[in-house]
Amino acid sequence: MKTLFSIDGCNITDIPSFYEEINRVFMAGEDWKIGSLDGLNDMFHGGYGALIGCGAVVLIWRDMEKSRAALGLEATRKFYRDKLQQPHRYDVNRISNDLADLENGIGPTFFEIVMDIVAGHPKIELRPG
């Protein structure tokens, strides 16, 4: 039996609201929240939140195309530029290269990064809804 979860893309207008939606769906019973791609990846491994003890999962992403647009080029550009303002926390050379790749059309958007993370978890079946 697969456990069903549903993300509402209408709630996603930018990266912070993406994490709000993820936390609403997966972290409601936790006393802390996910706020990074690493945390998202770890959660999908089933280490915490609603995925603890889950086997196979069906993740229905309603209004996925709206999320794709909201987490696209502009949101990703802002994501990288914000990181560049914190050189004590992030590898500025790597982030600069990621931003340059994005600007040159060869780097993934935030949405595409999220899709790659989900795809890396074979127990999670993603369905547009």
Protein backbone atom coordinates (compact mmCIF):
# COMPACT_ATOMS: atom_id res chain seq x y z
CA MET A 1 0.00 0.00 0.00
CA LYS A 2 1.36 3.39 -0.97
CA THR A 3 0.98 6.42 1.28
CA LEU A 4 -0.49 9.46 -0.51
CA PHE A 5 0.69 13.03 -0.01
CA SER A 6 -0.46 16.08 -1.93
CA ILE A 7 1.30 19.38 -2.58
CA ASP A 8 -0.83 22.31 -3.71
CA GLY A 9 1.05 24.29 -6.33
CA CYS A 10 -1.35 27.21 -5.90
CA ASN A 11 0.31 27.79 -2.52
CA ILE A 12 3.75 28.13 -4.16
CA THR A 13 4.67 31.58 -5.42
CA ASP A 14 8.40 31.61 -4.63
CA ILE A 15 11.05 29.55 -2.85
CA PRO A 16 10.00 30.48 0.72
CA SER A 17 6.39 29.52 -0.03
CA PHE A 18 7.62 26.24 -1.55
CA TYR A 19 9.19 25.37 1.81
CA GLU A 20 6.02 26.48 3.61
CA GLU A 21 4.02 24.04 1.49
CA ILE A 22 6.53 21.23 2.03
CA ASN A 23 6.44 21.86 5.77
CA ARG A 24 2.62 21.98 5.77
CA VAL A 25 2.44 18.59 4.10
CA PHE A 26 5.39 16.73 5.59
CA MET A 27 6.47 18.45 8.81
CA ALA A 28 3.19 19.40 10.54
CA GLY A 29 3.97 17.30 13.61
CA GLU A 30 7.58 18.40 13.96
CA ASP A 31 8.95 21.23 16.11
CA TRP A 32 11.32 22.39 13.35
CA LYS A 33 10.94 23.08 9.64
CA ILE A 34 12.76 22.27 6.41
CA GLY A 35 14.37 25.26 4.72
CA SER A 36 17.02 23.85 2.39
CA LEU A 37 17.43 21.49 -0.53
CA ASP A 38 19.64 19.26 1.63
CA GLY A 39 16.88 19.07 4.23
CA LEU A 40 14.34 18.26 1.53
CA ASN A 41 16.53 15.45 0.23
CA ASP A 42 17.05 14.08 3.74
CA MET A 43 13.32 14.17 4.42
CA PHE A 44 12.62 12.18 1.25
CA HIS A 45 14.98 9.52 2.59
CA GLY A 46 12.33 9.03 5.28
CA GLY A 47 14.37 10.23 8.21
CA TYR A 48 11.80 12.56 9.72
CA GLY A 49 8.42 14.17 9.39
CA ALA A 50 5.43 12.40 7.88
CA LEU A 51 7.69 10.08 5.88
CA ILE A 52 9.08 8.28 8.94
CA GLY A 53 8.24 4.63 8.52
CA CYS A 54 6.64 5.09 5.12
CA GLY A 55 7.39 2.62 2.40
CA ALA A 56 6.30 3.56 -1.08
CA VAL A 57 4.85 7.04 -1.45
CA VAL A 58 2.71 8.71 -4.09
CA LEU A 59 3.31 12.46 -4.16
CA ILE A 60 0.58 14.29 -6.03
CA TRP A 61 1.66 17.79 -7.05
CA ARG A 62 -1.43 19.77 -8.00
CA ASP A 63 -0.88 22.75 -10.30
CA MET A 64 2.69 21.66 -10.97
CA GLU A 65 3.05 24.01 -13.92
CA LYS A 66 2.29 26.98 -11.69
CA SER A 67 5.06 25.80 -9.37
CA ARG A 68 7.42 25.33 -12.30
CA ALA A 69 6.89 28.98 -13.24
CA ALA A 70 7.12 30.25 -9.65
CA LEU A 71 10.37 28.33 -9.06
CA GLY A 72 11.85 29.14 -12.45
CA LEU A 73 14.55 31.44 -13.74
CA GLU A 74 13.80 34.55 -11.66
CA ALA A 75 13.37 32.66 -8.39
CA THR A 76 16.54 30.68 -9.01
CA ARG A 77 18.49 33.81 -9.89
CA LYS A 78 17.39 35.39 -6.60
CA PHE A 79 18.23 32.16 -4.74
CA TYR A 80 21.84 32.28 -6.00
CA ARG A 81 22.24 36.04 -5.56
CA ASP A 82 21.05 35.78 -1.95
CA LYS A 83 23.67 33.09 -1.31
CA LEU A 84 26.38 35.27 -2.83
CA GLN A 85 25.58 37.88 -0.17
CA GLN A 86 26.64 35.37 2.50
CA PRO A 87 30.22 34.39 1.53
CA HIS A 88 30.92 33.18 5.07
CA ARG A 89 28.23 30.48 4.66
CA TYR A 90 28.47 29.44 1.01
CA ASP A 91 31.07 28.51 -1.56
CA VAL A 92 30.99 31.73 -3.58
CA ASN A 93 32.91 30.24 -6.51
CA ARG A 94 30.50 27.33 -6.86
CA ILE A 95 27.44 29.57 -6.48
CA SER A 96 28.86 32.03 -9.04
CA ASN A 97 29.39 29.16 -11.47
CA ASP A 98 25.86 27.87 -10.83
CA LEU A 99 24.46 31.35 -11.48
CA ALA A 100 26.52 31.72 -14.66
CA ASP A 101 25.26 28.33 -15.89
CA LEU A 102 21.69 29.39 -15.15
CA GLU A 103 22.16 32.67 -17.03
CA ASN A 104 23.68 30.79 -19.98
CA GLY A 105 20.72 28.42 -20.15
CA ILE A 106 22.65 25.33 -19.12
CA GLY A 107 21.98 25.33 -15.38
CA PRO A 108 18.83 24.00 -13.74
CA THR A 109 16.15 26.13 -12.18
CA PHE A 110 15.16 25.60 -8.56
CA PHE A 111 12.14 23.63 -9.79
CA GLU A 112 14.38 21.36 -11.86
CA ILE A 113 16.67 20.82 -8.88
CA VAL A 114 13.65 19.79 -6.79
CA MET A 115 12.54 17.41 -9.56
CA ASP A 116 16.02 15.85 -9.61
CA ILE A 117 15.89 15.37 -5.84
CA VAL A 118 12.50 13.67 -6.05
CA ALA A 119 13.68 11.50 -8.96
CA GLY A 120 16.59 10.34 -6.81
CA HIS A 121 14.16 8.62 -4.44
CA PRO A 122 12.73 5.55 -6.16
CA LYS A 123 10.20 4.93 -3.39
CA ILE A 124 8.52 8.24 -4.27
CA GLU A 125 6.20 8.25 -7.25
CA LEU A 126 5.50 11.81 -8.41
CA ARG A 127 2.21 12.48 -10.15
CA PRO A 128 0.99 15.80 -11.50
CA GLY A 129 -2.49 16.45 -10.18
